[in-house]
Amino acid sequence: MRPLLPVSNGRCGRWRDHRQVIDGILHRVRTGVQWRDLPERFGPWKTVYERHRLWSADGTWERLLQQVQAAADAAGEIDWDISVDSTIVRAHQHAAGARRTAAGARVKGGRSGRTPGRNTVAEPARPAGGGGAGGEGLGRSRGGFTSKLHLSADGRCRPLSLVVTGGQRADCTQFETVLTKTRVARVGPGRPRTKPDSLAADKGYSNGPCRQYLRRRGIRHSIPEKTDSQAARLCKGSRGGRPSGCDEQRYKKRNTVERAINRLKQSRAVATRYDQRGYVFLGTATTAALLIRLRS
């Protein structure tokens, strides 16, 4: 991973050793410990936190995951019979209360009208239409204050793409976003691979827009039809159209995404959200996915 990591620009002094800092980040992702309680062997806790925050903001963790996926795909280690699903992540009380200015731009100090400091340059802008907790991927669902992690996984239980939303967001609304983020670059020349061999999903994705999107891209899919949709189609008779096919043998492989979720939630910082910022939590989940890919 060393050639893929950012280097210091020389204007802010020497960076602490990447190995020590990454070990601290992985320790926190695995244990869910507070940043202030990191063991001293990882160096100053604020250095570890700032490195993780900056790399989550500028997409370093996602680029690292993409590079590792590209190497795995070149070696034929990715099973392109993918599955899509989501999981609820309970948000800790420390995940609430992220400061923002009146205009909606993130400012680390939380004061409006002040010139953003050096640490705020890499932070992404507020999502359009977001407000307060909703803009940070936090929402209310049956589990209370929650986030939802949408993902796709290959046939070997390894995540390919991740999306974070509020816990009340329906699975089908992020279907196209998850598949759009499923991009595995080529080691040599050529376009990134974005089209799987087949796709399996549960009834939460059984609607017209999802099926039309898959047909438009020519992706074979196994999605069972909802009972109420089937009854409505039968009531229409010949005007209801033909039933949507579902390969039961292929659908049995959908458990791979469930097992990928279980592997992600072995990391306590992913199983419970402690991060206030949505992009930092996405970086935490991406780090856990990167670790799964490297260990396999």
C-alpha atoms as a PDB file:
ATOM      1  CA  MET A   1       0.000   0.000   0.000  1.00  0.00           C
ATOM      2  CA  ARG A   2       2.945   2.354   0.465  1.00  0.00           C
ATOM      3  CA  PRO A   3       3.109   3.600  -3.177  1.00  0.00           C
ATOM      4  CA  LEU A   4      -0.615   4.397  -3.075  1.00  0.00           C
ATOM      5  CA  LEU A   5      -0.553   6.553   0.074  1.00  0.00           C
ATOM      6  CA  PRO A   6      -0.394  10.374  -0.022  1.00  0.00           C
ATOM      7  CA  VAL A   7       2.898  12.116   0.726  1.00  0.00           C
ATOM      8  CA  SER A   8       3.521  15.340   2.615  1.00  0.00           C
ATOM      9  CA  ASN A   9       3.732  18.531   0.580  1.00  0.00           C
ATOM     10  CA  GLY A  10       6.594  19.743   2.782  1.00  0.00           C
ATOM     11  CA  ARG A  11       4.802  22.889   3.933  1.00  0.00           C
ATOM     12  CA  CYS A  12       3.409  21.457   7.174  1.00  0.00           C
ATOM     13  CA  GLY A  13       6.438  19.598   8.432  1.00  0.00           C
ATOM     14  CA  ARG A  14       7.132  15.887   8.331  1.00  0.00           C
ATOM     15  CA  TRP A  15       4.268  13.460   8.603  1.00  0.00           C
ATOM     16  CA  ARG A  16       4.289  10.807  11.257  1.00  0.00           C
ATOM     17  CA  ASP A  17       5.056   7.340   9.901  1.00  0.00           C
ATOM     18  CA  HIS A  18       2.127   5.981   7.883  1.00  0.00           C
ATOM     19  CA  ARG A  19       2.472   2.493   9.362  1.00  0.00           C
ATOM     20  CA  GLN A  20       2.081   3.711  12.931  1.00  0.00           C
ATOM     21  CA  VAL A  21      -0.889   5.941  12.089  1.00  0.00           C
ATOM     22  CA  ILE A  22      -2.689   3.292  10.016  1.00  0.00           C
ATOM     23  CA  ASP A  23      -2.212   0.777  12.817  1.00  0.00           C
ATOM     24  CA  GLY A  24      -3.919   3.274  15.131  1.00  0.00           C
ATOM     25  CA  ILE A  25      -6.788   3.777  12.690  1.00  0.00           C
ATOM     26  CA  LEU A  26      -7.299   0.023  12.275  1.00  0.00           C
ATOM     27  CA  HIS A  27      -7.201  -0.448  16.054  1.00  0.00           C
ATOM     28  CA  ARG A  28      -9.957   2.120  16.459  1.00  0.00           C
ATOM     29  CA  VAL A  29     -12.059   0.667  13.611  1.00  0.00           C
ATOM     30  CA  ARG A  30     -11.797  -2.813  15.112  1.00  0.00           C
ATOM     31  CA  THR A  31     -12.426  -1.899  18.768  1.00  0.00           C
ATOM     32  CA  GLY A  32     -14.588   1.235  18.478  1.00  0.00           C
ATOM     33  CA  VAL A  33     -12.563   2.909  21.212  1.00  0.00           C
ATOM     34  CA  GLN A  34     -12.757   6.683  21.602  1.00  0.00           C
ATOM     35  CA  TRP A  35     -10.014   8.528  19.753  1.00  0.00           C
ATOM     36  CA  ARG A  36      -8.717  10.018  22.994  1.00  0.00           C
ATOM     37  CA  ASP A  37      -8.279   6.530  24.461  1.00  0.00           C
ATOM     38  CA  LEU A  38      -5.962   5.192  21.736  1.00  0.00           C
ATOM     39  CA  PRO A  39      -2.900   3.450  23.220  1.00  0.00           C
ATOM     40  CA  GLU A  40       0.255   5.581  23.283  1.00  0.00           C
ATOM     41  CA  ARG A  41       2.096   3.206  20.935  1.00  0.00           C
ATOM     42  CA  PHE A  42       0.083   4.680  18.042  1.00  0.00           C
ATOM     43  CA  GLY A  43       1.288   8.215  18.694  1.00  0.00           C
ATOM     44  CA  PRO A  44      -0.835  11.303  19.450  1.00  0.00           C
ATOM     45  CA  TRP A  45      -4.524  10.476  19.116  1.00  0.00           C
ATOM     46  CA  LYS A  46      -5.265  13.742  17.338  1.00  0.00           C
ATOM     47  CA  THR A  47      -2.722  12.937  14.631  1.00  0.00           C
ATOM     48  CA  VAL A  48      -4.397   9.572  14.010  1.00  0.00           C
ATOM     49  CA  TYR A  49      -7.859  11.126  13.960  1.00  0.00           C
ATOM     50  CA  GLU A  50      -6.901  13.980  11.623  1.00  0.00           C
ATOM     51  CA  ARG A  51      -5.232  11.576   9.195  1.00  0.00           C
ATOM     52  CA  HIS A  52      -8.350   9.405   9.132  1.00  0.00           C
ATOM     53  CA  ARG A  53     -10.635  12.431   8.722  1.00  0.00           C
ATOM     54  CA  LEU A  54      -8.613  13.922   5.870  1.00  0.00           C
ATOM     55  CA  TRP A  55      -8.284  10.609   4.046  1.00  0.00           C
ATOM     56  CA  SER A  56     -12.038  10.044   4.412  1.00  0.00           C
ATOM     57  CA  ALA A  57     -12.744  13.517   2.996  1.00  0.00           C
ATOM     58  CA  ASP A  58     -10.423  13.401  -0.014  1.00  0.00           C
ATOM     59  CA  GLY A  59     -11.320   9.808  -0.961  1.00  0.00           C
ATOM     60  CA  THR A  60      -7.975   8.208  -0.112  1.00  0.00           C
ATOM     61  CA  TRP A  61      -9.589   5.166   1.516  1.00  0.00           C
ATOM     62  CA  GLU A  62     -11.866   4.645  -1.501  1.00  0.00           C
ATOM     63  CA  ARG A  63      -8.929   4.911  -3.904  1.00  0.00           C
ATOM     64  CA  LEU A  64      -6.981   2.371  -1.870  1.00  0.00           C
ATOM     65  CA  LEU A  65      -9.936  -0.024  -1.983  1.00  0.00           C
ATOM     66  CA  GLN A  66     -10.270   0.467  -5.745  1.00  0.00           C
ATOM     67  CA  GLN A  67      -6.574  -0.242  -6.323  1.00  0.00           C
ATOM     68  CA  VAL A  68      -6.716  -3.429  -4.257  1.00  0.00           C
ATOM     69  CA  GLN A  69      -9.872  -4.498  -6.120  1.00  0.00           C
ATOM     70  CA  ALA A  70      -8.148  -3.845  -9.449  1.00  0.00           C
ATOM     71  CA  ALA A  71      -5.260  -6.108  -8.473  1.00  0.00           C
ATOM     72  CA  ALA A  72      -7.695  -8.806  -7.314  1.00  0.00           C
ATOM     73  CA  ASP A  73      -9.701  -8.593 -10.536  1.00  0.00           C
ATOM     74  CA  ALA A  74      -6.539  -8.905 -12.628  1.00  0.00           C
ATOM     75  CA  ALA A  75      -5.720 -12.099 -10.715  1.00  0.00           C
ATOM     76  CA  GLY A  76      -9.263 -13.444 -11.269  1.00  0.00           C
ATOM     77  CA  GLU A  77     -10.155 -13.297  -7.562  1.00  0.00           C
ATOM     78  CA  ILE A  78     -13.454 -11.399  -7.911  1.00  0.00           C
ATOM     79  CA  ASP A  79     -16.641 -13.393  -8.403  1.00  0.00           C
ATOM     80  CA  TRP A  80     -18.866 -11.100 -10.469  1.00  0.00           C
ATOM     81  CA  ASP A  81     -22.105 -12.794  -9.397  1.00  0.00           C
ATOM     82  CA  ILE A  82     -22.815  -9.910  -7.027  1.00  0.00           C
ATOM     83  CA  SER A  83     -25.581  -9.279  -4.493  1.00  0.00           C
ATOM     84  CA  VAL A  84     -27.025  -6.031  -3.139  1.00  0.00           C
ATOM     85  CA  ASP A  85     -28.510  -5.319   0.275  1.00  0.00           C
ATOM     86  CA  SER A  86     -28.418  -2.871   3.182  1.00  0.00           C
ATOM     87  CA  THR A  87     -28.061  -2.969   6.941  1.00  0.00           C
ATOM     88  CA  ILE A  88     -29.116  -0.705   9.789  1.00  0.00           C
ATOM     89  CA  VAL A  89     -26.370   0.745  11.986  1.00  0.00           C
ATOM     90  CA  ARG A  90     -27.399   2.091  15.373  1.00  0.00           C
ATOM     91  CA  ALA A  91     -25.989   5.559  15.960  1.00  0.00           C
ATOM     92  CA  HIS A  92     -24.421   6.285  19.331  1.00  0.00           C
ATOM     93  CA  GLN A  93     -25.364   9.521  21.075  1.00  0.00           C
ATOM     94  CA  HIS A  94     -21.870  10.824  20.272  1.00  0.00           C
ATOM     95  CA  ALA A  95     -22.762  10.711  16.556  1.00  0.00           C
ATOM     96  CA  ALA A  96     -25.229  13.586  16.975  1.00  0.00           C
ATOM     97  CA  GLY A  97     -24.527  17.297  17.291  1.00  0.00           C
ATOM     98  CA  ALA A  98     -22.243  17.975  14.326  1.00  0.00           C
ATOM     99  CA  ARG A  99     -21.763  21.736  14.079  1.00  0.00           C
ATOM    100  CA  ARG A 100     -22.607  23.705  10.977  1.00  0.00           C
ATOM    101  CA  THR A 101     -22.921  27.330   9.947  1.00  0.00           C
ATOM    102  CA  ALA A 102     -26.181  29.013   9.016  1.00  0.00           C
ATOM    103  CA  ALA A 103     -25.284  28.704   5.322  1.00  0.00           C
ATOM    104  CA  GLY A 104     -24.792  24.961   5.730  1.00  0.00           C
ATOM    105  CA  ALA A 105     -21.028  24.778   5.142  1.00  0.00           C
ATOM    106  CA  ARG A 106     -19.038  22.645   7.558  1.00  0.00           C
ATOM    107  CA  VAL A 107     -16.694  24.615   9.762  1.00  0.00           C
ATOM    108  CA  LYS A 108     -14.577  22.793  12.262  1.00  0.00           C
ATOM    109  CA  GLY A 109     -14.865  25.499  14.916  1.00  0.00           C
ATOM    110  CA  GLY A 110     -18.621  25.808  14.406  1.00  0.00           C
ATOM    111  CA  ARG A 111     -18.690  29.647  14.144  1.00  0.00           C
ATOM    112  CA  SER A 112     -20.370  31.332  11.196  1.00  0.00           C
ATOM    113  CA  GLY A 113     -18.674  34.212   9.405  1.00  0.00           C
ATOM    114  CA  ARG A 114     -15.151  33.010  10.166  1.00  0.00           C
ATOM    115  CA  THR A 115     -12.727  32.146   7.416  1.00  0.00           C
ATOM    116  CA  PRO A 116     -12.403  28.333   7.164  1.00  0.00           C
ATOM    117  CA  GLY A 117      -9.104  27.078   8.465  1.00  0.00           C
ATOM    118  CA  ARG A 118      -6.616  24.767   6.824  1.00  0.00           C
ATOM    119  CA  ASN A 119      -8.306  21.705   8.285  1.00  0.00           C
ATOM    120  CA  THR A 120     -11.646  22.461   6.546  1.00  0.00           C
ATOM    121  CA  VAL A 121     -10.370  22.590   2.968  1.00  0.00           C
ATOM    122  CA  ALA A 122     -10.754  18.868   2.315  1.00  0.00           C
ATOM    123  CA  GLU A 123     -14.243  18.563   3.785  1.00  0.00           C
ATOM    124  CA  PRO A 124     -16.980  17.910   1.203  1.00  0.00           C
ATOM    125  CA  ALA A 125     -19.915  20.256   0.762  1.00  0.00           C
ATOM    126  CA  ARG A 126     -23.315  19.647   2.323  1.00  0.00           C
ATOM    127  CA  PRO A 127     -25.516  17.300   0.251  1.00  0.00           C
ATOM    128  CA  ALA A 128     -28.270  19.102  -1.646  1.00  0.00           C
ATOM    129  CA  GLY A 129     -31.484  19.219   0.322  1.00  0.00           C
ATOM    130  CA  GLY A 130     -29.872  17.903   3.500  1.00  0.00           C
ATOM    131  CA  GLY A 131     -30.498  19.540   6.822  1.00  0.00           C
ATOM    132  CA  GLY A 132     -28.926  18.844  10.200  1.00  0.00           C
ATOM    133  CA  ALA A 133     -28.675  15.135  10.934  1.00  0.00           C
ATOM    134  CA  GLY A 134     -30.186  14.210   7.573  1.00  0.00           C
ATOM    135  CA  GLY A 135     -27.247  15.756   5.771  1.00  0.00           C
ATOM    136  CA  GLU A 136     -24.896  13.530   7.767  1.00  0.00           C
ATOM    137  CA  GLY A 137     -26.648  10.254   6.943  1.00  0.00           C
ATOM    138  CA  LEU A 138     -28.552  10.076  10.242  1.00  0.00           C
ATOM    139  CA  GLY A 139     -32.267   9.425  10.550  1.00  0.00           C
ATOM    140  CA  ARG A 140     -35.049   7.848  12.545  1.00  0.00           C
ATOM    141  CA  SER A 141     -36.215   4.291  12.034  1.00  0.00           C
ATOM    142  CA  ARG A 142     -37.603   1.462  14.140  1.00  0.00           C
ATOM    143  CA  GLY A 143     -34.241   1.189  15.851  1.00  0.00           C
ATOM    144  CA  GLY A 144     -34.243   4.843  16.884  1.00  0.00           C
ATOM    145  CA  PHE A 145     -31.401   7.120  15.787  1.00  0.00           C
ATOM    146  CA  THR A 146     -29.779   5.128  12.976  1.00  0.00           C
ATOM    147  CA  SER A 147     -27.846   5.141   9.736  1.00  0.00           C
ATOM    148  CA  LYS A 148     -28.167   2.698   6.878  1.00  0.00           C
ATOM    149  CA  LEU A 149     -25.256   1.161   5.011  1.00  0.00           C
ATOM    150  CA  HIS A 150     -26.083   0.123   1.440  1.00  0.00           C
ATOM    151  CA  LEU A 151     -23.574  -2.152  -0.255  1.00  0.00           C
ATOM    152  CA  SER A 152     -22.849  -4.584  -3.034  1.00  0.00           C
ATOM    153  CA  ALA A 153     -20.709  -7.676  -2.481  1.00  0.00           C
ATOM    154  CA  ASP A 154     -19.083 -10.170  -4.815  1.00  0.00           C
ATOM    155  CA  GLY A 155     -19.614 -13.915  -4.694  1.00  0.00           C
ATOM    156  CA  ARG A 156     -16.816 -14.301  -2.128  1.00  0.00           C
ATOM    157  CA  CYS A 157     -18.415 -12.101   0.557  1.00  0.00           C
ATOM    158  CA  ARG A 158     -16.227  -9.049  -0.047  1.00  0.00           C
ATOM    159  CA  PRO A 159     -17.767  -5.565  -0.354  1.00  0.00           C
ATOM    160  CA  LEU A 160     -17.449  -3.791  -3.703  1.00  0.00           C
ATOM    161  CA  SER A 161     -19.186  -0.461  -3.012  1.00  0.00           C
ATOM    162  CA  LEU A 162     -20.662   1.347  -0.011  1.00  0.00           C
ATOM    163  CA  VAL A 163     -23.234   4.136   0.417  1.00  0.00           C
ATOM    164  CA  VAL A 164     -24.351   5.742   3.712  1.00  0.00           C
ATOM    165  CA  THR A 165     -27.840   7.232   4.192  1.00  0.00           C
ATOM    166  CA  GLY A 166     -30.280   7.875   6.994  1.00  0.00           C
ATOM    167  CA  GLY A 167     -31.804   4.843   8.646  1.00  0.00           C
ATOM    168  CA  GLN A 168     -35.312   5.536   7.292  1.00  0.00           C
ATOM    169  CA  ARG A 169     -34.187   5.548   3.654  1.00  0.00           C
ATOM    170  CA  ALA A 170     -35.683   2.726   1.558  1.00  0.00           C
ATOM    171  CA  ASP A 171     -33.287   0.216  -0.002  1.00  0.00           C
ATOM    172  CA  CYS A 172     -34.543   0.673  -3.557  1.00  0.00           C
ATOM    173  CA  THR A 173     -33.814   4.420  -3.555  1.00  0.00           C
ATOM    174  CA  GLN A 174     -30.046   3.777  -3.436  1.00  0.00           C
ATOM    175  CA  PHE A 175     -30.018   0.839  -5.852  1.00  0.00           C
ATOM    176  CA  GLU A 176     -28.644   2.742  -8.848  1.00  0.00           C
ATOM    177  CA  THR A 177     -26.152   4.637  -6.682  1.00  0.00           C
ATOM    178  CA  VAL A 178     -24.716   1.414  -5.276  1.00  0.00           C
ATOM    179  CA  LEU A 179     -24.339  -0.129  -8.739  1.00  0.00           C
ATOM    180  CA  THR A 180     -22.865   3.093 -10.146  1.00  0.00           C
ATOM    181  CA  LYS A 181     -20.179   3.042  -7.455  1.00  0.00           C
ATOM    182  CA  THR A 182     -19.332  -0.565  -8.321  1.00  0.00           C
ATOM    183  CA  ARG A 183     -16.348   0.276 -10.528  1.00  0.00           C
ATOM    184  CA  VAL A 184     -13.246  -1.902 -10.631  1.00  0.00           C
ATOM    185  CA  ALA A 185     -10.384  -0.359 -12.559  1.00  0.00           C
ATOM    186  CA  ARG A 186      -8.084  -2.279 -14.894  1.00  0.00           C
ATOM    187  CA  VAL A 187      -4.450  -2.783 -13.992  1.00  0.00           C
ATOM    188  CA  GLY A 188      -3.512  -2.049 -17.608  1.00  0.00           C
ATOM    189  CA  PRO A 189      -5.318   0.007 -20.241  1.00  0.00           C
ATOM    190  CA  GLY A 190      -9.073  -0.224 -20.541  1.00  0.00           C
ATOM    191  CA  ARG A 191     -12.221   1.099 -18.940  1.00  0.00           C
ATOM    192  CA  PRO A 192     -13.204   0.135 -15.392  1.00  0.00           C
ATOM    193  CA  ARG A 193     -15.534  -2.827 -15.161  1.00  0.00           C
ATOM    194  CA  THR A 194     -18.995  -1.797 -13.991  1.00  0.00           C
ATOM    195  CA  LYS A 195     -21.258  -4.590 -15.263  1.00  0.00           C
ATOM    196  CA  PRO A 196     -21.590  -7.797 -13.191  1.00  0.00           C
ATOM    197  CA  ASP A 197     -22.303 -11.213 -14.635  1.00  0.00           C
ATOM    198  CA  SER A 198     -25.510 -11.443 -12.600  1.00  0.00           C
ATOM    199  CA  LEU A 199     -27.186  -9.773  -9.648  1.00  0.00           C
ATOM    200  CA  ALA A 200     -29.333 -11.047  -6.775  1.00  0.00           C
ATOM    201  CA  ALA A 201     -31.428  -8.920  -4.411  1.00  0.00           C
ATOM    202  CA  ASP A 202     -34.348  -9.394  -2.049  1.00  0.00           C
ATOM    203  CA  LYS A 203     -37.943  -8.177  -2.423  1.00  0.00           C
ATOM    204  CA  GLY A 204     -37.003  -4.702  -1.230  1.00  0.00           C
ATOM    205  CA  TYR A 205     -35.681  -4.061  -4.747  1.00  0.00           C
ATOM    206  CA  SER A 206     -38.667  -5.604  -6.537  1.00  0.00           C
ATOM    207  CA  ASN A 207     -40.132  -2.573  -8.281  1.00  0.00           C
ATOM    208  CA  GLY A 208     -40.417  -1.186 -11.782  1.00  0.00           C
ATOM    209  CA  PRO A 209     -37.549   1.353 -11.735  1.00  0.00           C
ATOM    210  CA  CYS A 210     -35.006  -1.175 -10.426  1.00  0.00           C
ATOM    211  CA  ARG A 211     -35.983  -3.818 -12.981  1.00  0.00           C
ATOM    212  CA  GLN A 212     -36.019  -1.277 -15.826  1.00  0.00           C
ATOM    213  CA  TYR A 213     -32.560  -0.082 -14.849  1.00  0.00           C
ATOM    214  CA  LEU A 214     -31.218  -3.641 -14.921  1.00  0.00           C
ATOM    215  CA  ARG A 215     -32.864  -4.402 -18.261  1.00  0.00           C
ATOM    216  CA  ARG A 216     -31.494  -1.185 -19.738  1.00  0.00           C
ATOM    217  CA  ARG A 217     -27.967  -2.205 -18.765  1.00  0.00           C
ATOM    218  CA  GLY A 218     -28.491  -5.826 -19.798  1.00  0.00           C
ATOM    219  CA  ILE A 219     -27.764  -7.270 -16.341  1.00  0.00           C
ATOM    220  CA  ARG A 220     -29.231 -10.695 -15.569  1.00  0.00           C
ATOM    221  CA  HIS A 221     -30.954 -10.540 -12.188  1.00  0.00           C
ATOM    222  CA  SER A 222     -32.771 -12.725  -9.682  1.00  0.00           C
ATOM    223  CA  ILE A 223     -35.236 -10.650  -7.657  1.00  0.00           C
ATOM    224  CA  PRO A 224     -38.375 -12.367  -6.313  1.00  0.00           C
ATOM    225  CA  GLU A 225     -41.708 -10.683  -6.973  1.00  0.00           C
ATOM    226  CA  LYS A 226     -43.647  -9.239  -4.068  1.00  0.00           C
ATOM    227  CA  THR A 227     -46.897 -10.971  -3.144  1.00  0.00           C
ATOM    228  CA  ASP A 228     -49.007  -7.833  -3.564  1.00  0.00           C
ATOM    229  CA  SER A 229     -47.402  -7.058  -6.931  1.00  0.00           C
ATOM    230  CA  GLN A 230     -48.119 -10.586  -8.082  1.00  0.00           C
ATOM    231  CA  ALA A 231     -51.768 -10.326  -6.982  1.00  0.00           C
ATOM    232  CA  ALA A 232     -52.168  -6.971  -8.744  1.00  0.00           C
ATOM    233  CA  ARG A 233     -50.696  -8.394 -11.930  1.00  0.00           C
ATOM    234  CA  LEU A 234     -53.032 -11.389 -11.863  1.00  0.00           C
ATOM    235  CA  CYS A 235     -56.052  -9.145 -11.325  1.00  0.00           C
ATOM    236  CA  LYS A 236     -55.243  -7.293 -14.549  1.00  0.00           C
ATOM    237  CA  GLY A 237     -55.272 -10.504 -16.529  1.00  0.00           C
ATOM    238  CA  SER A 238     -53.532 -10.287 -19.889  1.00  0.00           C
ATOM    239  CA  ARG A 239     -52.941  -6.559 -19.326  1.00  0.00           C
ATOM    240  CA  GLY A 240     -50.813  -7.344 -16.289  1.00  0.00           C
ATOM    241  CA  GLY A 241     -47.968  -8.661 -18.401  1.00  0.00           C
ATOM    242  CA  ARG A 242     -45.759 -11.655 -17.881  1.00  0.00           C
ATOM    243  CA  PRO A 243     -44.345 -12.559 -14.464  1.00  0.00           C
ATOM    244  CA  SER A 244     -40.792 -11.514 -13.757  1.00  0.00           C
ATOM    245  CA  GLY A 245     -38.486 -14.523 -13.724  1.00  0.00           C
ATOM    246  CA  CYS A 246     -36.360 -15.390 -10.705  1.00  0.00           C
ATOM    247  CA  ASP A 247     -33.689 -18.082 -10.785  1.00  0.00           C
ATOM    248  CA  GLU A 248     -34.078 -19.792  -7.411  1.00  0.00           C
ATOM    249  CA  GLN A 249     -30.654 -21.445  -7.583  1.00  0.00           C
ATOM    250  CA  ARG A 250     -28.983 -18.113  -8.284  1.00  0.00           C
ATOM    251  CA  TYR A 251     -31.033 -16.430  -5.564  1.00  0.00           C
ATOM    252  CA  LYS A 252     -29.620 -18.860  -3.011  1.00  0.00           C
ATOM    253  CA  LYS A 253     -26.236 -17.175  -3.476  1.00  0.00           C
ATOM    254  CA  ARG A 254     -27.657 -13.922  -2.111  1.00  0.00           C
ATOM    255  CA  ASN A 255     -26.429 -14.955   1.321  1.00  0.00           C
ATOM    256  CA  THR A 256     -22.990 -13.720   0.257  1.00  0.00           C
ATOM    257  CA  VAL A 257     -23.985 -10.107   0.870  1.00  0.00           C
ATOM    258  CA  GLU A 258     -25.409 -11.046   4.277  1.00  0.00           C
ATOM    259  CA  ARG A 259     -22.099 -12.667   5.177  1.00  0.00           C
ATOM    260  CA  ALA A 260     -20.240  -9.602   3.890  1.00  0.00           C
ATOM    261  CA  ILE A 261     -22.340  -7.459   6.248  1.00  0.00           C
ATOM    262  CA  ASN A 262     -21.478  -9.773   9.130  1.00  0.00           C
ATOM    263  CA  ARG A 263     -17.781  -9.438   8.325  1.00  0.00           C
ATOM    264  CA  LEU A 264     -18.070  -5.651   8.177  1.00  0.00           C
ATOM    265  CA  LYS A 265     -19.826  -5.535  11.536  1.00  0.00           C
ATOM    266  CA  GLN A 266     -17.027  -7.489  13.181  1.00  0.00           C
ATOM    267  CA  SER A 267     -15.505  -3.998  13.310  1.00  0.00           C
ATOM    268  CA  ARG A 268     -17.192  -2.317  16.265  1.00  0.00           C
ATOM    269  CA  ALA A 269     -16.824   1.176  14.803  1.00  0.00           C
ATOM    270  CA  VAL A 270     -18.960  -0.022  11.867  1.00  0.00           C
ATOM    271  CA  ALA A 271     -21.504  -2.012  13.890  1.00  0.00           C
ATOM    272  CA  THR A 272     -22.190   1.134  15.975  1.00  0.00           C
ATOM    273  CA  ARG A 273     -21.743   4.572  14.481  1.00  0.00           C
ATOM    274  CA  TYR A 274     -19.715   6.937  16.652  1.00  0.00           C
ATOM    275  CA  ASP A 275     -18.641   9.380  13.903  1.00  0.00           C
ATOM    276  CA  GLN A 276     -20.553  12.655  13.667  1.00  0.00           C
ATOM    277  CA  ARG A 277     -19.717  13.316  10.028  1.00  0.00           C
ATOM    278  CA  GLY A 278     -21.239  11.102   7.375  1.00  0.00           C
ATOM    279  CA  TYR A 279     -18.117  11.070   5.213  1.00  0.00           C
ATOM    280  CA  VAL A 280     -15.977  10.020   8.189  1.00  0.00           C
ATOM    281  CA  PHE A 281     -18.293   7.078   8.904  1.00  0.00           C
ATOM    282  CA  LEU A 282     -18.153   6.138   5.223  1.00  0.00           C
ATOM    283  CA  GLY A 283     -14.351   6.238   5.486  1.00  0.00           C
ATOM    284  CA  THR A 284     -14.549   3.979   8.551  1.00  0.00           C
ATOM    285  CA  ALA A 285     -16.701   1.440   6.699  1.00  0.00           C
ATOM    286  CA  THR A 286     -14.425   1.643   3.640  1.00  0.00           C
ATOM    287  CA  THR A 287     -11.398   0.990   5.847  1.00  0.00           C
ATOM    288  CA  ALA A 288     -13.089  -2.128   7.237  1.00  0.00           C
ATOM    289  CA  ALA A 289     -13.889  -3.282   3.666  1.00  0.00           C
ATOM    290  CA  LEU A 290     -10.272  -2.661   2.647  1.00  0.00           C
ATOM    291  CA  LEU A 291      -9.045  -4.760   5.568  1.00  0.00           C
ATOM    292  CA  ILE A 292     -11.394  -7.608   4.563  1.00  0.00           C
ATOM    293  CA  ARG A 293     -10.036  -7.464   1.009  1.00  0.00           C
ATOM    294  CA  LEU A 294      -6.387  -7.463   2.131  1.00  0.00           C
ATOM    295  CA  ARG A 295      -6.850 -10.346   4.571  1.00  0.00           C
ATOM    296  CA  SER A 296      -8.557 -12.504   1.949  1.00  0.00           C
END
